[in-house]
Amino acid sequence: MTELNQITDTVLMVRPARFGFNEETAASNAFQQKADTKSAVEIEEQAKVEFDRFVDVLRNVGVHVLVMSDTSEPHKPDAVFPNNWVSFHESGQIVLYPMFAQQRRLERRHDWLQQLRETYQFAQTESLVEYETESLFLEGTGALVLDRPNRIAYACLSNRAHPEVLAAFAQRMDYQVISFSAADQAGLPIYHTNVILAVGESFVLICWDTISNDLEKELLRSAFARTHKDVIALSFKQITAFAGNMLQVRSRSGTPILVMSQQAFQALNPDQLAQISTHTQIVHSPIPTIERLGGGSARCMMAEVFYPGMGSIL
């Protein structure tokens, strides 16, 4: 079997139309904060400014960004986070995921997927959407943090990552699942794995403090050692600033790049930045409105596009 890539030079991003605070998701997303004194229109416009600036940052370092534009109707306040409903794979598969919030299920755009099938020769769609009828969920690469070359899917269990759907993903996509429990300082379950864990080609960033089970910690440490990852530890305070919500990508010329928000970058200390810089270039962009109201950050805004034949291109 051909070795898979861990990072890609192509990402799908969705320009928001009516971004805002989503009451339906806030109950289980402690990272969301209620709107300030700005009007809904002001918030929407600020989110668009932050999105456009972020896209420019990525394109300026050579990342290929496919921008799709959300529609005003139906209202989809979280459409800027496409990685929760879809993932793309070098095997030629597209995976669709069951979403916790009914409003977020409207984000799935089959017309966009058809364009991508034609452009990148995706041959098969694996849909896990039927689990929504059983109220079982797995929110894409928010719930899953993938080590693609080693076929490991890391997942912290929550109402957004159910073991039964994880098992279905593993069986269909030929992955080993390493699941664990994680909680914030208030004892609330971490809603998405990708706010406490990021996996790059040769490193991982993780907040150990969120994991209380020593056996689960040892299982993770063993997996990171077996796959030759340099481990960079994050604090509770740092993940609150979205320092866990990062994604390593690649420029078209082959340079590895770790993408994060400005807030996340400023939360890292000099030793952590030096350690990261031995592995990858770092870029960041300010997205405070999207982070505060949406409860997600830079990683959540990018759906990586892995596609058949990319190994011969990258």
C-alpha atoms as a PDB file:
ATOM      1  CA  MET A   1       0.000   0.000   0.000  1.00  0.00           C
ATOM      2  CA  THR A   2       1.329   3.449  -0.919  1.00  0.00           C
ATOM      3  CA  GLU A   3       2.196   5.558   2.113  1.00  0.00           C
ATOM      4  CA  LEU A   4      -0.313   8.300   2.738  1.00  0.00           C
ATOM      5  CA  ASN A   5       0.503  11.972   3.188  1.00  0.00           C
ATOM      6  CA  GLN A   6      -0.082  13.596   6.568  1.00  0.00           C
ATOM      7  CA  ILE A   7      -0.358  17.115   5.179  1.00  0.00           C
ATOM      8  CA  THR A   8      -1.740  18.604   1.984  1.00  0.00           C
ATOM      9  CA  ASP A   9      -1.260  21.806   0.006  1.00  0.00           C
ATOM     10  CA  THR A  10      -5.002  22.203  -0.658  1.00  0.00           C
ATOM     11  CA  VAL A  11      -7.764  23.224   1.757  1.00  0.00           C
ATOM     12  CA  LEU A  12     -11.479  23.914   1.355  1.00  0.00           C
ATOM     13  CA  MET A  13     -12.801  26.968   3.213  1.00  0.00           C
ATOM     14  CA  VAL A  14     -16.330  28.372   3.379  1.00  0.00           C
ATOM     15  CA  ARG A  15     -16.817  32.145   3.349  1.00  0.00           C
ATOM     16  CA  PRO A  16     -19.591  32.861   5.858  1.00  0.00           C
ATOM     17  CA  ALA A  17     -22.797  34.608   4.881  1.00  0.00           C
ATOM     18  CA  ARG A  18     -24.553  34.946   8.247  1.00  0.00           C
ATOM     19  CA  PHE A  19     -21.997  33.965  10.873  1.00  0.00           C
ATOM     20  CA  GLY A  20     -23.124  34.279  14.480  1.00  0.00           C
ATOM     21  CA  PHE A  21     -23.559  32.709  17.918  1.00  0.00           C
ATOM     22  CA  ASN A  22     -25.341  29.342  17.699  1.00  0.00           C
ATOM     23  CA  GLU A  23     -27.503  28.648  20.760  1.00  0.00           C
ATOM     24  CA  GLU A  24     -27.985  25.031  19.656  1.00  0.00           C
ATOM     25  CA  THR A  25     -24.279  24.174  19.912  1.00  0.00           C
ATOM     26  CA  ALA A  26     -23.356  26.378  22.879  1.00  0.00           C
ATOM     27  CA  ALA A  27     -24.604  23.952  25.545  1.00  0.00           C
ATOM     28  CA  SER A  28     -21.778  21.515  24.811  1.00  0.00           C
ATOM     29  CA  ASN A  29     -19.149  23.930  23.445  1.00  0.00           C
ATOM     30  CA  ALA A  30     -17.561  25.757  26.364  1.00  0.00           C
ATOM     31  CA  PHE A  31     -15.352  27.716  23.955  1.00  0.00           C
ATOM     32  CA  GLN A  32     -18.318  29.717  22.642  1.00  0.00           C
ATOM     33  CA  GLN A  33     -19.062  33.107  24.189  1.00  0.00           C
ATOM     34  CA  LYS A  34     -22.227  35.132  23.719  1.00  0.00           C
ATOM     35  CA  ALA A  35     -22.328  38.074  21.369  1.00  0.00           C
ATOM     36  CA  ASP A  36     -21.183  41.474  22.535  1.00  0.00           C
ATOM     37  CA  THR A  37     -22.870  44.802  21.825  1.00  0.00           C
ATOM     38  CA  LYS A  38     -22.353  44.554  18.064  1.00  0.00           C
ATOM     39  CA  SER A  39     -25.398  44.000  15.859  1.00  0.00           C
ATOM     40  CA  ALA A  40     -25.874  40.797  13.893  1.00  0.00           C
ATOM     41  CA  VAL A  41     -24.926  42.605  10.689  1.00  0.00           C
ATOM     42  CA  GLU A  42     -21.741  44.017  12.242  1.00  0.00           C
ATOM     43  CA  ILE A  43     -20.762  40.551  13.467  1.00  0.00           C
ATOM     44  CA  GLU A  44     -21.392  39.044  10.040  1.00  0.00           C
ATOM     45  CA  GLU A  45     -19.269  41.671   8.332  1.00  0.00           C
ATOM     46  CA  GLN A  46     -16.433  41.333  10.828  1.00  0.00           C
ATOM     47  CA  ALA A  47     -16.397  37.543  10.327  1.00  0.00           C
ATOM     48  CA  LYS A  48     -16.082  38.062   6.576  1.00  0.00           C
ATOM     49  CA  VAL A  49     -13.154  40.445   7.087  1.00  0.00           C
ATOM     50  CA  GLU A  50     -11.414  37.914   9.337  1.00  0.00           C
ATOM     51  CA  PHE A  51     -12.089  35.095   6.884  1.00  0.00           C
ATOM     52  CA  ASP A  52     -10.768  37.008   3.849  1.00  0.00           C
ATOM     53  CA  ARG A  53      -7.628  38.054   5.720  1.00  0.00           C
ATOM     54  CA  PHE A  54      -7.023  34.443   6.788  1.00  0.00           C
ATOM     55  CA  VAL A  55      -7.356  33.215   3.199  1.00  0.00           C
ATOM     56  CA  ASP A  56      -4.863  35.873   2.070  1.00  0.00           C
ATOM     57  CA  VAL A  57      -2.361  34.724   4.716  1.00  0.00           C
ATOM     58  CA  LEU A  58      -2.610  31.132   3.482  1.00  0.00           C
ATOM     59  CA  ARG A  59      -2.340  32.032  -0.182  1.00  0.00           C
ATOM     60  CA  ASN A  60       0.627  34.305   0.488  1.00  0.00           C
ATOM     61  CA  VAL A  61       2.630  31.338   1.819  1.00  0.00           C
ATOM     62  CA  GLY A  62       1.678  29.128  -1.113  1.00  0.00           C
ATOM     63  CA  VAL A  63      -1.277  27.129   0.188  1.00  0.00           C
ATOM     64  CA  HIS A  64      -3.976  26.390  -2.408  1.00  0.00           C
ATOM     65  CA  VAL A  65      -7.283  27.573  -0.919  1.00  0.00           C
ATOM     66  CA  LEU A  66     -10.597  26.572  -2.476  1.00  0.00           C
ATOM     67  CA  VAL A  67     -13.133  29.158  -1.296  1.00  0.00           C
ATOM     68  CA  MET A  68     -16.814  28.286  -1.402  1.00  0.00           C
ATOM     69  CA  SER A  69     -19.376  30.940  -0.431  1.00  0.00           C
ATOM     70  CA  ASP A  70     -22.185  30.162   1.970  1.00  0.00           C
ATOM     71  CA  THR A  71     -25.740  31.277   1.188  1.00  0.00           C
ATOM     72  CA  SER A  72     -27.792  33.589   3.402  1.00  0.00           C
ATOM     73  CA  GLU A  73     -30.709  31.168   3.413  1.00  0.00           C
ATOM     74  CA  PRO A  74     -31.164  28.875   5.123  1.00  0.00           C
ATOM     75  CA  HIS A  75     -29.328  30.486   8.040  1.00  0.00           C
ATOM     76  CA  LYS A  76     -26.142  28.538   8.871  1.00  0.00           C
ATOM     77  CA  PRO A  77     -24.190  30.415  11.584  1.00  0.00           C
ATOM     78  CA  ASP A  78     -21.382  27.805  11.713  1.00  0.00           C
ATOM     79  CA  ALA A  79     -20.834  27.252   7.992  1.00  0.00           C
ATOM     80  CA  VAL A  80     -17.322  28.688   8.327  1.00  0.00           C
ATOM     81  CA  PHE A  81     -16.321  25.337   9.954  1.00  0.00           C
ATOM     82  CA  PRO A  82     -16.620  22.803   7.078  1.00  0.00           C
ATOM     83  CA  ASN A  83     -14.267  20.205   8.554  1.00  0.00           C
ATOM     84  CA  ASN A  84     -17.078  18.956  10.796  1.00  0.00           C
ATOM     85  CA  TRP A  85     -19.252  17.594   8.007  1.00  0.00           C
ATOM     86  CA  VAL A  86     -16.772  16.338   5.392  1.00  0.00           C
ATOM     87  CA  SER A  87     -13.286  14.867   4.969  1.00  0.00           C
ATOM     88  CA  PHE A  88     -11.344  13.979   1.829  1.00  0.00           C
ATOM     89  CA  HIS A  89      -8.951  11.070   1.401  1.00  0.00           C
ATOM     90  CA  GLU A  90      -6.184   9.951  -0.957  1.00  0.00           C
ATOM     91  CA  SER A  91      -8.038   6.677  -1.398  1.00  0.00           C
ATOM     92  CA  GLY A  92     -10.541   8.589  -3.516  1.00  0.00           C
ATOM     93  CA  GLN A  93     -13.151   8.622  -0.765  1.00  0.00           C
ATOM     94  CA  ILE A  94     -15.196  11.492   0.588  1.00  0.00           C
ATOM     95  CA  VAL A  95     -16.653  10.920   4.059  1.00  0.00           C
ATOM     96  CA  LEU A  96     -19.828  12.667   5.270  1.00  0.00           C
ATOM     97  CA  TYR A  97     -20.465  12.832   9.001  1.00  0.00           C
ATOM     98  CA  PRO A  98     -23.475  12.899  11.358  1.00  0.00           C
ATOM     99  CA  MET A  99     -23.833  16.310  13.008  1.00  0.00           C
ATOM    100  CA  PHE A 100     -25.105  16.996  16.522  1.00  0.00           C
ATOM    101  CA  ALA A 101     -26.929  20.269  15.778  1.00  0.00           C
ATOM    102  CA  GLN A 102     -29.828  20.059  13.336  1.00  0.00           C
ATOM    103  CA  GLN A 103     -29.039  23.532  12.020  1.00  0.00           C
ATOM    104  CA  ARG A 104     -25.509  22.421  11.123  1.00  0.00           C
ATOM    105  CA  ARG A 105     -26.788  19.564   8.961  1.00  0.00           C
ATOM    106  CA  LEU A 106     -27.862  22.219   6.471  1.00  0.00           C
ATOM    107  CA  GLU A 107     -24.177  22.967   5.813  1.00  0.00           C
ATOM    108  CA  ARG A 108     -23.685  19.821   3.698  1.00  0.00           C
ATOM    109  CA  ARG A 109     -23.431  20.983   0.091  1.00  0.00           C
ATOM    110  CA  HIS A 110     -23.643  18.196  -2.467  1.00  0.00           C
ATOM    111  CA  ASP A 111     -23.180  20.640  -5.350  1.00  0.00           C
ATOM    112  CA  TRP A 112     -19.752  21.569  -3.979  1.00  0.00           C
ATOM    113  CA  LEU A 113     -18.886  17.907  -3.557  1.00  0.00           C
ATOM    114  CA  GLN A 114     -19.806  17.214  -7.171  1.00  0.00           C
ATOM    115  CA  GLN A 115     -17.390  19.925  -8.308  1.00  0.00           C
ATOM    116  CA  LEU A 116     -14.630  18.392  -6.208  1.00  0.00           C
ATOM    117  CA  ARG A 117     -15.381  14.878  -7.488  1.00  0.00           C
ATOM    118  CA  GLU A 118     -14.930  16.072 -11.038  1.00  0.00           C
ATOM    119  CA  THR A 119     -11.772  18.078 -10.293  1.00  0.00           C
ATOM    120  CA  TYR A 120      -9.957  15.581  -8.074  1.00  0.00           C
ATOM    121  CA  GLN A 121     -11.371  12.246  -9.278  1.00  0.00           C
ATOM    122  CA  PHE A 122     -13.044  11.171  -6.058  1.00  0.00           C
ATOM    123  CA  ALA A 123     -14.698   7.847  -6.799  1.00  0.00           C
ATOM    124  CA  GLN A 124     -16.638   7.000  -3.662  1.00  0.00           C
ATOM    125  CA  THR A 125     -18.639   8.668  -0.902  1.00  0.00           C
ATOM    126  CA  GLU A 126     -18.833   7.059   2.511  1.00  0.00           C
ATOM    127  CA  SER A 127     -21.811   8.487   4.357  1.00  0.00           C
ATOM    128  CA  LEU A 128     -22.219   8.097   8.101  1.00  0.00           C
ATOM    129  CA  VAL A 129     -25.127  10.543   8.077  1.00  0.00           C
ATOM    130  CA  GLU A 130     -27.677   7.802   8.782  1.00  0.00           C
ATOM    131  CA  TYR A 131     -26.514   7.738  12.400  1.00  0.00           C
ATOM    132  CA  GLU A 132     -28.270  11.078  12.917  1.00  0.00           C
ATOM    133  CA  THR A 133     -31.577   9.173  13.021  1.00  0.00           C
ATOM    134  CA  GLU A 134     -30.249   7.337  16.100  1.00  0.00           C
ATOM    135  CA  SER A 135     -28.885  10.548  17.672  1.00  0.00           C
ATOM    136  CA  LEU A 136     -25.323   9.227  17.349  1.00  0.00           C
ATOM    137  CA  PHE A 137     -22.726  11.712  16.091  1.00  0.00           C
ATOM    138  CA  LEU A 138     -19.171  12.022  14.842  1.00  0.00           C
ATOM    139  CA  GLU A 139     -18.286  15.546  13.759  1.00  0.00           C
ATOM    140  CA  GLY A 140     -15.592  14.989  11.164  1.00  0.00           C
ATOM    141  CA  THR A 141     -12.046  16.108  11.799  1.00  0.00           C
ATOM    142  CA  GLY A 142     -13.269  18.068  14.780  1.00  0.00           C
ATOM    143  CA  ALA A 143     -14.054  14.805  16.572  1.00  0.00           C
ATOM    144  CA  LEU A 144     -11.286  12.907  14.757  1.00  0.00           C
ATOM    145  CA  VAL A 145      -7.640  13.920  14.662  1.00  0.00           C
ATOM    146  CA  LEU A 146      -6.089  11.739  11.976  1.00  0.00           C
ATOM    147  CA  ASP A 147      -2.578  10.371  11.676  1.00  0.00           C
ATOM    148  CA  ARG A 148      -3.061   9.395   8.055  1.00  0.00           C
ATOM    149  CA  PRO A 149       0.222   7.593   7.241  1.00  0.00           C
ATOM    150  CA  ASN A 150      -0.154   5.421  10.357  1.00  0.00           C
ATOM    151  CA  ARG A 151      -3.937   5.091   9.956  1.00  0.00           C
ATOM    152  CA  ILE A 152      -4.677   6.171  13.524  1.00  0.00           C
ATOM    153  CA  ALA A 153      -7.785   8.159  14.416  1.00  0.00           C
ATOM    154  CA  TYR A 154      -7.491   9.902  17.785  1.00  0.00           C
ATOM    155  CA  ALA A 155     -10.815  10.836  19.383  1.00  0.00           C
ATOM    156  CA  CYS A 156     -11.948  12.141  22.752  1.00  0.00           C
ATOM    157  CA  LEU A 157     -15.417  10.803  23.484  1.00  0.00           C
ATOM    158  CA  SER A 158     -18.291  13.260  23.819  1.00  0.00           C
ATOM    159  CA  ASN A 159     -21.794  13.829  22.500  1.00  0.00           C
ATOM    160  CA  ARG A 160     -20.032  14.801  19.244  1.00  0.00           C
ATOM    161  CA  ALA A 161     -17.975  11.553  19.046  1.00  0.00           C
ATOM    162  CA  HIS A 162     -19.898   8.344  19.741  1.00  0.00           C
ATOM    163  CA  PRO A 163     -18.026   4.987  19.963  1.00  0.00           C
ATOM    164  CA  GLU A 164     -20.423   3.252  17.577  1.00  0.00           C
ATOM    165  CA  VAL A 165     -19.868   5.801  14.817  1.00  0.00           C
ATOM    166  CA  LEU A 166     -16.127   5.769  15.511  1.00  0.00           C
ATOM    167  CA  ALA A 167     -16.150   2.007  14.968  1.00  0.00           C
ATOM    168  CA  ALA A 168     -18.032   2.458  11.690  1.00  0.00           C
ATOM    169  CA  PHE A 169     -15.497   5.031  10.495  1.00  0.00           C
ATOM    170  CA  ALA A 170     -12.615   2.739  11.445  1.00  0.00           C
ATOM    171  CA  GLN A 171     -14.114  -0.224   9.618  1.00  0.00           C
ATOM    172  CA  ARG A 172     -14.948   1.658   6.427  1.00  0.00           C
ATOM    173  CA  MET A 173     -11.726   3.674   6.248  1.00  0.00           C
ATOM    174  CA  ASP A 174      -9.280   1.077   7.654  1.00  0.00           C
ATOM    175  CA  TYR A 175      -8.190   3.097  10.702  1.00  0.00           C
ATOM    176  CA  GLN A 176      -7.301   2.151  14.261  1.00  0.00           C
ATOM    177  CA  VAL A 177      -9.216   4.302  16.752  1.00  0.00           C
ATOM    178  CA  ILE A 178      -7.484   5.476  19.921  1.00  0.00           C
ATOM    179  CA  SER A 179     -10.246   6.992  22.042  1.00  0.00           C
ATOM    180  CA  PHE A 180     -10.059   8.649  25.434  1.00  0.00           C
ATOM    181  CA  SER A 181     -11.976  10.953  27.760  1.00  0.00           C
ATOM    182  CA  ALA A 182     -11.053  14.608  28.213  1.00  0.00           C
ATOM    183  CA  ALA A 183     -12.510  17.436  30.272  1.00  0.00           C
ATOM    184  CA  ASP A 184     -11.904  21.129  30.789  1.00  0.00           C
ATOM    185  CA  GLN A 185     -11.066  22.784  34.124  1.00  0.00           C
ATOM    186  CA  ALA A 186     -14.761  22.886  35.047  1.00  0.00           C
ATOM    187  CA  GLY A 187     -15.032  19.138  34.480  1.00  0.00           C
ATOM    188  CA  LEU A 188     -17.086  19.500  31.303  1.00  0.00           C
ATOM    189  CA  PRO A 189     -16.298  17.090  28.441  1.00  0.00           C
ATOM    190  CA  ILE A 190     -14.131  18.507  25.682  1.00  0.00           C
ATOM    191  CA  TYR A 191     -16.529  18.768  22.749  1.00  0.00           C
ATOM    192  CA  HIS A 192     -13.996  18.251  19.920  1.00  0.00           C
ATOM    193  CA  THR A 193     -10.659  16.450  19.941  1.00  0.00           C
ATOM    194  CA  ASN A 194      -9.044  19.085  17.747  1.00  0.00           C
ATOM    195  CA  VAL A 195      -9.143  21.754  20.455  1.00  0.00           C
ATOM    196  CA  ILE A 196      -6.704  19.758  22.636  1.00  0.00           C
ATOM    197  CA  LEU A 197      -4.699  17.759  20.061  1.00  0.00           C
ATOM    198  CA  ALA A 198      -2.961  18.551  16.768  1.00  0.00           C
ATOM    199  CA  VAL A 199      -0.937  15.966  14.848  1.00  0.00           C
ATOM    200  CA  GLY A 200       1.707  17.036  12.356  1.00  0.00           C
ATOM    201  CA  GLU A 201       4.166  15.069  10.255  1.00  0.00           C
ATOM    202  CA  SER A 202       6.773  14.759  13.014  1.00  0.00           C
ATOM    203  CA  PHE A 203       5.178  16.327  16.111  1.00  0.00           C
ATOM    204  CA  VAL A 204       2.020  16.562  18.181  1.00  0.00           C
ATOM    205  CA  LEU A 205       0.637  19.273  20.431  1.00  0.00           C
ATOM    206  CA  ILE A 206      -1.533  18.021  23.279  1.00  0.00           C
ATOM    207  CA  CYS A 207      -3.025  19.242  26.551  1.00  0.00           C
ATOM    208  CA  TRP A 208      -2.328  16.364  28.950  1.00  0.00           C
ATOM    209  CA  ASP A 209      -4.143  18.163  31.779  1.00  0.00           C
ATOM    210  CA  THR A 210      -7.497  17.471  30.113  1.00  0.00           C
ATOM    211  CA  ILE A 211      -6.969  13.683  30.393  1.00  0.00           C
ATOM    212  CA  SER A 212      -7.303  12.252  33.911  1.00  0.00           C
ATOM    213  CA  ASN A 213      -7.077   8.531  33.113  1.00  0.00           C
ATOM    214  CA  ASP A 214      -3.463   7.386  33.425  1.00  0.00           C
ATOM    215  CA  LEU A 215      -3.999   4.327  31.230  1.00  0.00           C
ATOM    216  CA  GLU A 216      -5.383   6.508  28.443  1.00  0.00           C
ATOM    217  CA  LYS A 217      -2.423   8.872  28.778  1.00  0.00           C
ATOM    218  CA  GLU A 218      -0.018   5.954  28.496  1.00  0.00           C
ATOM    219  CA  LEU A 219      -1.861   4.647  25.425  1.00  0.00           C
ATOM    220  CA  LEU A 220      -1.440   8.046  23.771  1.00  0.00           C
ATOM    221  CA  ARG A 221       2.211   8.359  24.792  1.00  0.00           C
ATOM    222  CA  SER A 222       2.897   4.902  23.391  1.00  0.00           C
ATOM    223  CA  ALA A 223       1.213   5.765  20.088  1.00  0.00           C
ATOM    224  CA  PHE A 224       3.172   9.018  19.773  1.00  0.00           C
ATOM    225  CA  ALA A 225       6.441   7.202  20.511  1.00  0.00           C
ATOM    226  CA  ARG A 226       5.661   4.396  18.081  1.00  0.00           C
ATOM    227  CA  THR A 227       4.952   6.907  15.326  1.00  0.00           C
ATOM    228  CA  HIS A 228       8.041   9.004  16.139  1.00  0.00           C
ATOM    229  CA  LYS A 229       6.261  12.208  17.158  1.00  0.00           C
ATOM    230  CA  ASP A 230       7.935  14.980  19.118  1.00  0.00           C
ATOM    231  CA  VAL A 231       5.424  15.830  21.868  1.00  0.00           C
ATOM    232  CA  ILE A 232       4.753  19.477  22.766  1.00  0.00           C
ATOM    233  CA  ALA A 233       2.625  19.915  25.891  1.00  0.00           C
ATOM    234  CA  LEU A 234      -0.035  22.620  26.155  1.00  0.00           C
ATOM    235  CA  SER A 235      -1.651  24.069  29.270  1.00  0.00           C
ATOM    236  CA  PHE A 236      -5.341  24.595  30.050  1.00  0.00           C
ATOM    237  CA  LYS A 237      -4.837  28.329  29.584  1.00  0.00           C
ATOM    238  CA  GLN A 238      -3.269  27.798  26.170  1.00  0.00           C
ATOM    239  CA  ILE A 239      -6.053  25.594  24.821  1.00  0.00           C
ATOM    240  CA  THR A 240      -8.565  28.193  26.003  1.00  0.00           C
ATOM    241  CA  ALA A 241      -6.734  30.501  23.583  1.00  0.00           C
ATOM    242  CA  PHE A 242      -7.149  27.805  20.876  1.00  0.00           C
ATOM    243  CA  ALA A 243      -3.475  26.779  20.927  1.00  0.00           C
ATOM    244  CA  GLY A 244      -4.599  23.181  20.373  1.00  0.00           C
ATOM    245  CA  ASN A 245      -6.653  24.087  17.310  1.00  0.00           C
ATOM    246  CA  MET A 246      -3.896  24.118  14.703  1.00  0.00           C
ATOM    247  CA  LEU A 247      -3.342  22.402  11.379  1.00  0.00           C
ATOM    248  CA  GLN A 248      -0.148  21.607   9.529  1.00  0.00           C
ATOM    249  CA  VAL A 249      -0.387  22.025   5.777  1.00  0.00           C
ATOM    250  CA  ARG A 250       2.123  22.384   2.957  1.00  0.00           C
ATOM    251  CA  SER A 251       2.917  25.106   0.461  1.00  0.00           C
ATOM    252  CA  ARG A 252       2.789  24.308  -3.226  1.00  0.00           C
ATOM    253  CA  SER A 253       6.611  24.345  -3.173  1.00  0.00           C
ATOM    254  CA  GLY A 254       6.676  21.738  -0.397  1.00  0.00           C
ATOM    255  CA  THR A 255       7.298  23.815   2.728  1.00  0.00           C
ATOM    256  CA  PRO A 256       5.492  22.469   5.821  1.00  0.00           C
ATOM    257  CA  ILE A 257       3.461  25.173   7.560  1.00  0.00           C
ATOM    258  CA  LEU A 258       1.630  25.104  10.890  1.00  0.00           C
ATOM    259  CA  VAL A 259      -1.455  27.321  10.713  1.00  0.00           C
ATOM    260  CA  MET A 260      -3.003  28.885  13.807  1.00  0.00           C
ATOM    261  CA  SER A 261      -4.849  31.974  14.956  1.00  0.00           C
ATOM    262  CA  GLN A 262      -3.060  35.050  16.227  1.00  0.00           C
ATOM    263  CA  GLN A 263      -4.505  34.396  19.688  1.00  0.00           C
ATOM    264  CA  ALA A 264      -3.077  30.859  19.681  1.00  0.00           C
ATOM    265  CA  PHE A 265       0.325  32.100  18.524  1.00  0.00           C
ATOM    266  CA  GLN A 266       0.464  34.704  21.285  1.00  0.00           C
ATOM    267  CA  ALA A 267      -0.444  32.059  23.891  1.00  0.00           C
ATOM    268  CA  LEU A 268       2.613  29.913  23.095  1.00  0.00           C
ATOM    269  CA  ASN A 269       5.798  30.483  25.062  1.00  0.00           C
ATOM    270  CA  PRO A 270       9.254  30.960  23.460  1.00  0.00           C
ATOM    271  CA  ASP A 271      10.352  27.384  24.202  1.00  0.00           C
ATOM    272  CA  GLN A 272       7.256  25.945  22.545  1.00  0.00           C
ATOM    273  CA  LEU A 273       7.672  28.187  19.512  1.00  0.00           C
ATOM    274  CA  ALA A 274      11.314  27.153  19.221  1.00  0.00           C
ATOM    275  CA  GLN A 275      10.374  23.473  19.458  1.00  0.00           C
ATOM    276  CA  ILE A 276       7.663  23.835  16.820  1.00  0.00           C
ATOM    277  CA  SER A 277      10.011  25.767  14.544  1.00  0.00           C
ATOM    278  CA  THR A 278      12.409  22.812  14.376  1.00  0.00           C
ATOM    279  CA  HIS A 279       9.648  20.971  12.498  1.00  0.00           C
ATOM    280  CA  THR A 280       7.711  23.529  10.502  1.00  0.00           C
ATOM    281  CA  GLN A 281       7.142  27.132   9.509  1.00  0.00           C
ATOM    282  CA  ILE A 282       4.428  28.938  11.505  1.00  0.00           C
ATOM    283  CA  VAL A 283       1.788  31.318  10.159  1.00  0.00           C
ATOM    284  CA  HIS A 284      -1.087  32.953  12.018  1.00  0.00           C
ATOM    285  CA  SER A 285      -3.986  35.307  11.433  1.00  0.00           C
ATOM    286  CA  PRO A 286      -6.374  37.205  13.761  1.00  0.00           C
ATOM    287  CA  ILE A 287      -9.867  35.683  13.864  1.00  0.00           C
ATOM    288  CA  PRO A 288     -11.214  36.892  17.244  1.00  0.00           C
ATOM    289  CA  THR A 289     -14.875  37.216  16.260  1.00  0.00           C
ATOM    290  CA  ILE A 290     -14.992  33.752  14.745  1.00  0.00           C
ATOM    291  CA  GLU A 291     -13.221  32.262  17.762  1.00  0.00           C
ATOM    292  CA  ARG A 292     -15.322  34.021  20.382  1.00  0.00           C
ATOM    293  CA  LEU A 293     -18.787  33.477  18.946  1.00  0.00           C
ATOM    294  CA  GLY A 294     -18.173  30.287  16.979  1.00  0.00           C
ATOM    295  CA  GLY A 295     -16.131  28.417  19.570  1.00  0.00           C
ATOM    296  CA  GLY A 296     -13.715  27.198  16.888  1.00  0.00           C
ATOM    297  CA  SER A 297     -10.486  28.468  15.439  1.00  0.00           C
ATOM    298  CA  ALA A 298      -8.052  28.123  12.541  1.00  0.00           C
ATOM    299  CA  ARG A 299      -8.077  24.346  12.247  1.00  0.00           C
ATOM    300  CA  CYS A 300     -11.872  24.195  12.224  1.00  0.00           C
ATOM    301  CA  MET A 301     -11.999  26.604   9.276  1.00  0.00           C
ATOM    302  CA  MET A 302      -9.983  24.325   6.976  1.00  0.00           C
ATOM    303  CA  ALA A 303     -11.154  21.047   5.476  1.00  0.00           C
ATOM    304  CA  GLU A 304      -8.023  19.429   4.063  1.00  0.00           C
ATOM    305  CA  VAL A 305      -8.356  18.163   0.505  1.00  0.00           C
ATOM    306  CA  PHE A 306      -6.404  14.928   0.111  1.00  0.00           C
ATOM    307  CA  TYR A 307      -7.024  13.397  -3.299  1.00  0.00           C
ATOM    308  CA  PRO A 308      -6.013  10.416  -5.452  1.00  0.00           C
ATOM    309  CA  GLY A 309      -2.554  10.739  -6.982  1.00  0.00           C
ATOM    310  CA  MET A 310      -1.435  13.588  -4.740  1.00  0.00           C
ATOM    311  CA  GLY A 311       1.580  11.578  -3.611  1.00  0.00           C
ATOM    312  CA  SER A 312       3.129  11.931  -7.036  1.00  0.00           C
ATOM    313  CA  ILE A 313       2.455  15.691  -7.001  1.00  0.00           C
ATOM    314  CA  LEU A 314       3.553  16.763  -3.513  1.00  0.00           C
END
